[in-house]
C-alpha cells in the first residue's frame, strides 16, 4: 500500500550523517527529529528565510539518512545554493541507495555539471545505479481496468493465485490453467475494498483484510469505518467470520499467517499490528513507537520471529514470545524504507520497495540471529511498471508480485488523476536463486 510522506520539504543525509545521533539510535526518535527540522525548514522557506531553512535541513540531514526523499530535495537545495560539495555527497548517497530518479532529471542539478567534473561523474554514477534490471516477466491476467489489484497470495497445493481488488471489492482466483474467477461475485453483502489476503492450507481458509476506500464501487459515508478481518471458506468464498479492526478507520494493508496458525494484520494508518491467536476469538493489538506505517510481515521458519516492513522506519524485528519490537539496522548505505510487501525465502527476505523511485524488488540477507541486514541486492527493477508494485508471494522457485496497482492514478476522495488510462491486472514473475 502506498503511503504519502508527511512533509513538503525533504532533506538528505551524507553517508556518515547518522553519527551525530548515533547509528544505532531508535529510528522513531531520529526520524521525528528529522521531521521536526523539516517542518521548521518549510516554515522558514515560505517567508523567504533561505539561510535558516538550509540550517534546519542540515539538522535533519544528520538525523535520518535512510529516507531517500530527503536526499533528493537536499540535492536540489544544494544545487540551487551552489554548494557543490553537498551536492556531490547527496548524489553519492543516492547512487549507493539505488534511488533518485527525480534528482537525475532535475535541470538545476544537471546544470551544475557544466562547471564541475566531479558532479558530472556523480551524475554518471547515479544514472548507472538506476539502470533497469529486468529479471522478471509480465503476465496480464485480465484486461479489466475496474479491479485495482492490491494484495496477493498463492495456494502451494495447486498454484492458484489470489489477488484482492480495491475498486472491485472482490477477490480474484487465478488457477494454473483455465479462466480466472471472482470469488465473491455472488455475495449479497460484499465487504469493503479488499486489501491483503493469505491462504490458510491447514484449515482450508482464506483470510482477507478490508477497508473503506472512497474509490471502491458503491462507496458510502458509512464505509469510512469498514476496516475488517474476514475469514472465508476457500472453496466457495463464503464469509464465515468478521472482526472489526479497532474503530474501523484504519488501513490494513498486509496480512500474514504464522507457522502456528496465528493471523497477523498490519495497519498502516493506525500504526499497529493486530493478532488473532489460534483458538482465540478476540483480536489483540501490538503497539510500538517503531510502528509508524507497518506493511509486510514475514515469519521465521520456527515462527518465533517476525520481520515487519515499516514504510517510514525500515525493517523491524518482532520477538513474538516477548512482544518486543526492535529496529534492524542495515550494513553499508542501503535503505529499507518504503517496503510494502515482505516475504521470506529460505534465509533471506524479499521486499517490494515502492516507496523509492524507481521502485524495485530487493533481496535482504540477514545475520545469523536475524538482528541485522547484512546485504541488500536488487532482484528486479524493470524500465517501467504499468502501475505501482505492491506485494507478492513465493511459489516454488519464483516470486510473483502485483505490478499494476492503481495508487498513482487516484487522489484523496476517490478522484482520478489525469495521468492516462487505468492499467489492467498485471503480475510479474521473477526466478529466485536456490
Protein backbone atom coordinates (compact mmCIF):
# COMPACT_ATOMS: atom_id res chain seq x y z
CA UNK A 1 0.00 0.00 0.00
CA UNK A 2 1.37 3.38 -0.92
CA UNK A 3 1.67 5.87 1.94
CA UNK A 4 2.36 9.58 1.48
CA UNK A 5 5.34 11.19 3.19
CA UNK A 6 4.40 13.73 5.87
CA UNK A 7 6.46 16.75 4.91
CA UNK A 8 6.63 19.01 1.88
CA UNK A 9 10.35 19.80 2.07
CA UNK A 10 12.81 16.95 2.32
CA UNK A 11 16.45 16.66 3.06
CA UNK A 12 19.24 14.28 2.65
CA UNK A 13 21.93 12.79 4.65
CA UNK A 14 25.54 12.33 3.86
CA UNK A 15 26.92 8.82 4.15
CA UNK A 16 28.25 9.48 7.68
CA UNK A 17 25.46 11.77 8.82
CA UNK A 18 23.90 9.34 11.26
CA UNK A 19 26.91 9.62 13.55
CA UNK A 20 25.54 12.85 15.03
CA UNK A 21 22.88 10.94 16.97
CA UNK A 22 24.43 7.50 16.82
CA UNK A 23 23.79 4.99 14.06
CA UNK A 24 22.09 2.57 16.45
CA UNK A 25 19.65 5.09 17.96
CA UNK A 26 15.94 4.46 17.84
CA UNK A 27 14.77 5.30 14.29
CA UNK A 28 11.47 6.57 15.66
CA UNK A 29 13.41 9.23 17.59
CA UNK A 30 15.77 10.08 14.76
CA UNK A 31 13.04 10.30 12.14
CA UNK A 32 10.99 12.53 14.44
CA UNK A 33 13.99 14.84 14.88
CA UNK A 34 14.28 14.98 11.09
CA UNK A 35 10.57 15.65 10.57
CA UNK A 36 10.57 18.46 13.14
CA UNK A 37 13.57 20.08 11.49
CA UNK A 38 11.93 19.73 8.08
CA UNK A 39 8.79 21.47 9.29
CA UNK A 40 10.89 24.37 10.56
CA UNK A 41 12.74 24.47 7.24
CA UNK A 42 9.47 24.57 5.33
CA UNK A 43 8.18 27.42 7.50
CA UNK A 44 11.39 29.40 7.05
CA UNK A 45 11.38 28.87 3.31
CA UNK A 46 7.79 30.11 3.00
CA UNK A 47 8.79 33.50 4.43
CA UNK A 48 12.00 33.75 2.42
CA UNK A 49 14.50 32.84 5.17
CA UNK A 50 16.63 30.66 2.94
CA UNK A 51 19.66 30.52 5.25
CA UNK A 52 17.54 29.49 8.22
CA UNK A 53 15.81 26.83 6.11
CA UNK A 54 19.16 25.49 4.95
CA UNK A 55 20.42 25.29 8.55
CA UNK A 56 17.40 23.22 9.58
CA UNK A 57 17.83 20.99 6.57
CA UNK A 58 21.35 20.29 7.76
CA UNK A 59 20.00 19.34 11.20
CA UNK A 60 17.60 16.91 9.62
CA UNK A 61 20.48 15.76 7.43
CA UNK A 62 22.27 14.28 10.46
CA UNK A 63 19.21 12.56 11.86
CA UNK A 64 17.69 10.36 9.17
CA UNK A 65 19.89 9.33 6.22
CA UNK A 66 17.70 6.30 5.49
CA UNK A 67 14.97 8.36 3.77
CA UNK A 68 15.95 8.95 0.11
CA UNK A 69 13.19 11.52 -0.39
CA UNK A 70 15.09 13.82 1.99
CA UNK A 71 18.25 13.25 -0.01
CA UNK A 72 16.63 14.19 -3.28
CA UNK A 73 15.39 17.55 -2.06
CA UNK A 74 18.69 18.20 -0.30
CA UNK A 75 20.42 17.67 -3.63
CA UNK A 76 18.12 20.19 -5.28
CA UNK A 77 18.71 22.72 -2.49
CA UNK A 78 22.46 22.19 -2.70
CA UNK A 79 22.34 22.76 -6.46
CA UNK A 80 20.24 25.90 -6.01
CA UNK A 81 22.70 27.30 -3.46
CA UNK A 82 25.77 26.30 -5.46
CA UNK A 83 27.08 24.05 -2.66
CA UNK A 84 28.81 21.54 -4.90
CA UNK A 85 30.37 19.57 -2.04
CA UNK A 86 26.94 18.96 -0.50
CA UNK A 87 25.50 18.13 -3.92
CA UNK A 88 28.28 15.62 -4.59
CA UNK A 89 27.68 13.90 -1.23
CA UNK A 90 23.94 13.70 -1.90
CA UNK A 91 24.43 12.22 -5.36
CA UNK A 92 26.90 9.67 -3.95
CA UNK A 93 24.40 8.59 -1.30
CA UNK A 94 21.56 8.30 -3.82
CA UNK A 95 23.70 6.10 -6.06
CA UNK A 96 24.60 3.87 -3.09
CA UNK A 97 20.92 3.54 -2.20
CA UNK A 98 19.88 2.91 -5.81
CA UNK A 99 17.31 5.68 -5.94
CA UNK A 100 17.00 9.31 -7.02
CA UNK A 101 15.20 9.31 -10.36
CA UNK A 102 13.76 12.81 -9.83
CA UNK A 103 17.18 14.22 -8.97
CA UNK A 104 18.68 12.72 -12.09
CA UNK A 105 16.12 14.65 -14.17
CA UNK A 106 16.36 17.93 -12.24
CA UNK A 107 17.54 20.75 -14.53
CA UNK A 108 19.28 22.75 -11.77
CA UNK A 109 21.21 19.72 -10.59
CA UNK A 110 22.26 18.86 -14.11
CA UNK A 111 23.27 22.44 -14.87
CA UNK A 112 25.89 22.24 -12.11
CA UNK A 113 27.66 19.50 -14.06
CA UNK A 114 28.63 22.11 -16.68
CA UNK A 115 31.10 23.67 -14.25
CA UNK A 116 32.11 20.62 -12.21
CA UNK A 117 33.69 17.42 -13.43
CA UNK A 118 33.01 15.86 -10.01
CA UNK A 119 29.26 16.48 -10.36
CA UNK A 120 29.42 15.09 -13.92
CA UNK A 121 30.97 11.88 -12.59
CA UNK A 122 28.46 11.58 -9.73
CA UNK A 123 25.55 12.03 -12.14
CA UNK A 124 27.01 9.31 -14.36
CA UNK A 125 27.34 7.05 -11.31
CA UNK A 126 23.73 7.74 -10.35
CA UNK A 127 22.48 7.04 -13.85
CA UNK A 128 24.33 3.71 -13.86
CA UNK A 129 22.95 2.86 -10.42
CA UNK A 130 19.39 3.39 -11.66
CA UNK A 131 19.70 1.39 -14.87
CA UNK A 132 16.89 -1.17 -15.38
CA UNK A 133 17.40 -4.69 -14.03
CA UNK A 134 14.70 -6.70 -15.74
CA UNK A 135 14.88 -10.24 -14.42
CA UNK A 136 11.12 -10.78 -14.40
CA UNK A 137 8.39 -11.33 -16.97
CA UNK A 138 4.94 -9.75 -17.03
CA UNK A 139 1.65 -11.62 -17.16
CA UNK A 140 -1.55 -9.74 -17.96
CA UNK A 141 -4.26 -11.64 -16.09
CA UNK A 142 -7.23 -9.64 -17.28
CA UNK A 143 -7.84 -6.54 -19.36
CA UNK A 144 -10.43 -5.38 -16.82
CA UNK A 145 -9.24 -1.99 -15.54
CA UNK A 146 -12.02 -1.78 -12.93
CA UNK A 147 -10.37 -4.17 -10.50
CA UNK A 148 -7.40 -2.27 -8.95
CA UNK A 149 -5.24 -5.12 -7.62
CA UNK A 150 -3.52 -4.81 -4.25
CA UNK A 151 -2.76 -7.97 -2.23
CA UNK A 152 -1.63 -11.41 -3.41
CA UNK A 153 -1.03 -14.91 -2.08
CA UNK A 154 -0.58 -18.33 -3.68
CA UNK A 155 -2.01 -21.69 -2.62
CA UNK A 156 1.03 -24.01 -2.61
CA UNK A 157 -1.18 -27.07 -3.14
CA UNK A 158 -2.42 -26.23 -6.61
CA UNK A 159 -0.70 -22.95 -7.51
CA UNK A 160 -3.88 -20.87 -7.52
CA UNK A 161 -3.08 -17.17 -7.18
CA UNK A 162 -5.45 -15.00 -5.16
CA UNK A 163 -5.44 -11.25 -5.82
CA UNK A 164 -7.51 -8.69 -3.93
CA UNK A 165 -9.34 -5.82 -5.62
CA UNK A 166 -9.81 -2.34 -4.13
CA UNK A 167 -12.08 -0.84 -6.77
CA UNK A 168 -13.99 -4.06 -7.47
CA UNK A 169 -14.37 -5.03 -3.78
CA UNK A 170 -13.67 -8.61 -4.71
CA UNK A 171 -11.09 -11.37 -4.72
CA UNK A 172 -9.81 -12.93 -7.93
CA UNK A 173 -8.76 -16.60 -8.07
CA UNK A 174 -6.31 -17.33 -10.90
CA UNK A 175 -5.74 -21.09 -11.46
CA UNK A 176 -2.69 -22.54 -13.19
CA UNK A 177 -4.96 -23.46 -16.08
CA UNK A 178 -8.33 -22.06 -17.04
CA UNK A 179 -10.05 -18.75 -16.57
CA UNK A 180 -9.82 -16.52 -13.52
CA UNK A 181 -12.96 -16.17 -11.41
CA UNK A 182 -14.38 -13.67 -8.94
CA UNK A 183 -14.57 -15.34 -5.51
CA UNK A 184 -17.22 -13.02 -4.04
CA UNK A 185 -19.16 -12.22 -7.19
CA UNK A 186 -22.36 -13.79 -5.83
CA UNK A 187 -22.18 -12.24 -2.37
CA UNK A 188 -25.28 -10.22 -1.45
CA UNK A 189 -23.31 -8.27 1.16
CA UNK A 190 -19.93 -7.51 -0.42
CA UNK A 191 -17.28 -6.29 2.01
CA UNK A 192 -15.34 -3.08 1.51
CA UNK A 193 -12.18 -2.66 -0.59
CA UNK A 194 -10.13 -5.86 -0.41
CA UNK A 195 -6.57 -5.26 0.76
CA UNK A 196 -4.46 -8.21 1.98
CA UNK A 197 -5.03 -11.94 1.50
CA UNK A 198 -3.38 -15.10 2.84
CA UNK A 199 -4.15 -18.77 2.17
CA UNK A 200 -4.56 -20.99 5.24
CA UNK A 201 -3.94 -24.50 3.90
CA UNK A 202 -4.27 -26.20 7.30
CA UNK A 203 -7.87 -25.04 7.76
CA UNK A 204 -8.65 -24.59 4.04
CA UNK A 205 -9.49 -20.92 4.57
CA UNK A 206 -8.76 -17.54 3.07
CA UNK A 207 -8.06 -14.62 5.41
CA UNK A 208 -8.68 -11.18 3.93
CA UNK A 209 -8.48 -7.60 5.19
CA UNK A 210 -10.75 -4.77 4.03
CA UNK A 211 -11.01 -1.00 4.34
CA UNK A 212 -13.40 1.68 3.17
CA UNK A 213 -11.68 3.36 0.23
CA UNK A 214 -13.53 6.25 -1.48
CA UNK A 215 -12.71 4.89 -4.95
CA UNK A 216 -14.34 1.50 -4.40
CA UNK A 217 -17.59 0.76 -6.22
CA UNK A 218 -20.68 1.68 -4.22
CA UNK A 219 -18.80 3.67 -1.58
CA UNK A 220 -20.91 5.49 1.01
CA UNK A 221 -20.01 7.59 4.03
CA UNK A 222 -20.70 4.61 6.31
CA UNK A 223 -17.84 2.74 4.60
CA UNK A 224 -15.27 5.12 6.10
CA UNK A 225 -15.12 2.78 9.12
CA UNK A 226 -15.14 -0.56 7.30
CA UNK A 227 -11.72 -1.98 8.18
CA UNK A 228 -12.17 -5.68 8.96
CA UNK A 229 -10.51 -9.07 9.08
CA UNK A 230 -12.55 -11.66 7.19
CA UNK A 231 -12.42 -15.44 7.38
CA UNK A 232 -13.59 -17.05 4.10
CA UNK A 233 -14.21 -20.66 3.16
CA UNK A 234 -11.74 -21.21 0.36
CA UNK A 235 -13.78 -23.48 -1.89
CA UNK A 236 -16.73 -21.12 -2.36
CA UNK A 237 -15.78 -17.76 -0.80
CA UNK A 238 -18.49 -17.83 1.87
CA UNK A 239 -17.67 -15.33 4.63
CA UNK A 240 -17.57 -17.33 7.86
CA UNK A 241 -16.46 -14.69 10.36
CA UNK A 242 -15.77 -10.93 10.51
CA UNK A 243 -13.67 -9.00 13.02
CA UNK A 244 -13.71 -5.21 13.14
CA UNK A 245 -10.17 -3.77 13.25
CA UNK A 246 -10.12 -1.18 16.03
CA UNK A 247 -12.61 1.58 15.28
CA UNK A 248 -12.69 0.54 11.62
CA UNK A 249 -10.94 3.64 10.28
CA UNK A 250 -7.51 2.12 9.72
CA UNK A 251 -5.75 0.90 6.60
CA UNK A 252 -4.91 -2.82 6.99
CA UNK A 253 -2.51 -3.14 4.11
CA UNK A 254 -0.99 -6.55 4.79
CA UNK A 255 -1.81 -9.87 6.44
CA UNK A 256 0.34 -12.89 7.20
CA UNK A 257 -0.02 -16.34 8.73
CA UNK A 258 2.46 -17.58 11.34
CA UNK A 259 3.61 -21.24 11.21
CA UNK A 260 1.42 -21.97 14.25
CA UNK A 261 -1.68 -20.59 12.50
CA UNK A 262 -1.84 -17.17 14.17
CA UNK A 263 -3.14 -14.43 11.86
CA UNK A 264 -1.32 -11.07 11.96
CA UNK A 265 -2.55 -7.88 10.28
CA UNK A 266 -0.65 -4.61 9.86
CA UNK A 267 -2.48 -1.28 9.99
CA UNK A 268 -0.52 1.43 8.20
CA UNK A 269 -2.93 4.19 9.21
CA UNK A 270 -3.14 3.43 12.93
CA UNK A 271 0.49 2.31 13.22
CA UNK A 272 -0.13 -1.05 14.88
CA UNK A 273 -0.49 -4.79 14.37
CA UNK A 274 -3.49 -6.99 15.15
CA UNK A 275 -3.01 -10.63 16.05
CA UNK A 276 -5.60 -13.41 16.22
CA UNK A 277 -4.12 -16.29 18.17
CA UNK A 278 -5.15 -19.85 17.41
CA UNK A 279 -8.17 -20.84 19.50
CA UNK A 280 -8.94 -17.23 20.47
CA UNK A 281 -11.87 -15.15 19.28
CA UNK A 282 -10.60 -11.67 20.15
CA UNK A 283 -8.06 -9.58 18.28
CA UNK A 284 -5.09 -8.29 20.26
CA UNK A 285 -3.23 -5.08 19.48
CA UNK A 286 0.54 -4.93 19.15
CA UNK A 287 1.89 -1.40 19.51
CA UNK A 288 5.35 0.18 19.49
CA UNK A 289 6.84 3.60 18.80
CA UNK A 290 8.65 1.92 15.91
CA UNK A 291 5.36 1.08 14.17
CA UNK A 292 4.54 4.20 12.18
CA UNK A 293 3.38 2.71 8.87
CA UNK A 294 3.73 -1.08 9.13
CA UNK A 295 3.25 -3.07 5.94
CA UNK A 296 4.52 -6.57 5.06
CA UNK A 297 5.15 -9.29 7.66
CA UNK A 298 7.44 -12.32 7.23
CA UNK A 299 7.90 -15.10 9.78
CA UNK A 300 10.96 -17.17 10.53
CA UNK A 301 10.70 -20.90 9.83
CA UNK A 302 10.15 -21.69 13.51
CA UNK A 303 7.70 -18.81 13.94
CA UNK A 304 9.50 -17.30 16.91
CA UNK A 305 10.44 -14.17 14.99
CA UNK A 306 8.63 -11.94 12.54
CA UNK A 307 10.17 -9.21 10.41
CA UNK A 308 7.99 -6.22 9.67
CA UNK A 309 8.46 -3.73 6.85
CA UNK A 310 7.62 -0.29 8.17
CA UNK A 311 7.23 2.12 5.26
CA UNK A 312 8.65 5.01 7.31
CA UNK A 313 11.14 3.37 9.67
CA UNK A 314 12.54 0.49 7.65
CA UNK A 315 12.90 -3.15 8.67
CA UNK A 316 11.81 -4.19 12.18
CA UNK A 317 12.13 -7.43 14.15
CA UNK A 318 9.34 -8.72 16.41
CA UNK A 319 10.02 -11.33 19.10
CA UNK A 320 6.62 -12.99 19.33
CA UNK A 321 7.25 -14.51 22.75
CA UNK A 322 8.24 -11.27 24.48
CA UNK A 323 6.36 -8.88 22.21
CA UNK A 324 9.47 -6.71 21.84
CA UNK A 325 9.93 -4.91 18.51
CA UNK A 326 13.39 -3.67 17.56
CA UNK A 327 14.94 -1.95 14.57
CA UNK A 328 17.01 -3.99 12.11
CA UNK A 329 19.98 -1.85 11.01
CA UNK A 330 21.43 -2.19 7.52
CA UNK A 331 25.14 -2.56 6.97
CA UNK A 332 26.50 -0.03 4.48
CA UNK A 333 24.45 2.74 2.89
CA UNK A 334 21.48 0.70 1.62
CA UNK A 335 17.99 1.77 2.66
CA UNK A 336 14.99 -0.40 3.58
CA UNK A 337 12.37 2.32 3.99
CA UNK A 338 9.43 2.24 1.60
CA UNK A 339 8.97 -1.55 1.53
CA UNK A 340 5.37 -2.69 1.05
CA UNK A 341 5.21 -6.46 0.55
CA UNK A 342 7.65 -8.59 2.57
CA UNK A 343 8.16 -12.36 2.36
CA UNK A 344 10.77 -14.90 3.45
CA UNK A 345 12.58 -17.22 1.07
CA UNK A 346 14.92 -19.56 2.91
CA UNK A 347 17.30 -17.45 4.98
CA UNK A 348 16.55 -14.25 3.03
CA UNK A 349 13.75 -11.72 2.87
CA UNK A 350 12.14 -10.42 -0.31
CA UNK A 351 10.75 -6.89 -0.31
CA UNK A 352 8.68 -4.95 -2.85
CA UNK A 353 10.10 -1.47 -2.34
CA UNK A 354 7.65 1.03 -3.81
CA UNK A 355 8.47 3.96 -1.52
CA UNK A 356 11.56 4.95 -3.50
CA UNK A 357 12.00 5.79 -7.17
CA UNK A 358 12.50 3.74 -9.21
CA UNK A 359 10.56 1.01 -7.40
CA UNK A 360 12.14 -2.43 -7.20
CA UNK A 361 12.17 -5.95 -5.76
CA UNK A 362 15.03 -6.47 -3.30
CA UNK A 363 16.58 -9.47 -1.60
CA UNK A 364 17.72 -8.88 2.00
CA UNK A 365 20.39 -11.06 3.56
CA UNK A 366 20.21 -11.31 7.35
CA UNK A 367 22.75 -12.02 10.05
CA UNK A 368 22.58 -15.45 11.65
CA UNK A 369 20.50 -14.13 14.55
CA UNK A 370 18.26 -12.09 12.24
CA UNK A 371 19.01 -8.81 14.00
CA UNK A 372 20.91 -7.11 11.15
CA UNK A 373 20.57 -6.81 7.39
CA UNK A 374 24.00 -7.67 6.02
CA UNK A 375 23.34 -7.05 2.34
CA UNK A 376 20.63 -5.73 0.02
CA UNK A 377 20.51 -6.85 -3.61
CA UNK A 378 18.16 -5.66 -6.34
CA UNK A 379 16.45 -8.65 -7.95
CA UNK A 380 14.12 -6.87 -10.34
CA UNK A 381 13.76 -3.27 -11.49
CA UNK A 382 12.19 -3.03 -14.93
CA UNK A 383 12.36 0.11 -17.02
CA UNK A 384 8.75 0.89 -16.13
CA UNK A 385 5.80 -0.54 -14.23
CA UNK A 386 2.23 -0.30 -15.61
CA UNK A 387 1.10 0.93 -12.18
CA UNK A 388 2.56 0.56 -8.70
CA UNK A 389 4.14 -2.69 -7.46
CA UNK A 390 2.75 -3.76 -4.09
CA UNK A 391 3.04 -7.28 -2.67
CA UNK A 392 3.78 -10.81 -3.79
CA UNK A 393 4.34 -14.39 -2.72
CA UNK A 394 6.91 -17.14 -3.16
CA UNK A 395 5.78 -20.00 -5.38
CA UNK A 396 8.43 -22.71 -5.60
CA UNK A 397 11.46 -21.11 -7.21
CA UNK A 398 9.56 -17.98 -8.26
CA UNK A 399 8.35 -14.79 -6.68
CA UNK A 400 5.09 -13.48 -8.15
CA UNK A 401 4.03 -9.93 -7.39
CA UNK A 402 1.45 -7.31 -8.33
CA UNK A 403 2.92 -4.57 -10.55
CA UNK A 404 -0.21 -2.71 -11.65
CA UNK A 405 -1.88 -1.42 -8.50
CA UNK A 406 -3.60 1.85 -9.33
CA UNK A 407 -2.47 4.10 -6.45
CA UNK A 408 -0.71 6.56 -8.85
CA UNK A 409 -3.98 7.07 -10.76
CA UNK A 410 -6.15 8.16 -7.83
CA UNK A 411 -6.09 11.01 -5.32
CA UNK A 412 -7.79 11.61 -1.97
CA UNK A 413 -11.56 11.44 -2.06
CA UNK A 414 -11.62 8.72 -4.70
CA UNK A 415 -10.96 11.09 -7.60
CA UNK A 416 -9.00 10.15 -10.70
CA UNK A 417 -5.80 11.88 -11.68
CA UNK A 418 -5.28 12.97 -15.26
CA UNK A 419 -2.41 10.56 -15.79
CA UNK A 420 -3.88 8.40 -18.52
CA UNK A 421 -5.85 5.19 -18.74
CA UNK A 422 -6.02 2.81 -15.81
CA UNK A 423 -3.80 -0.29 -16.12
CA UNK A 424 -5.23 -3.82 -16.28
CA UNK A 425 -4.24 -6.52 -13.79
CA UNK A 426 -0.60 -7.38 -14.42
CA UNK A 427 1.55 -9.74 -12.35
CA UNK A 428 5.30 -10.19 -12.61
CA UNK A 429 7.24 -13.45 -12.16
CA UNK A 430 10.86 -13.44 -11.02
CA UNK A 431 13.04 -16.55 -10.86
CA UNK A 432 14.74 -16.96 -7.46
CA UNK A 433 18.17 -18.36 -6.78
CA UNK A 434 18.20 -21.51 -4.61
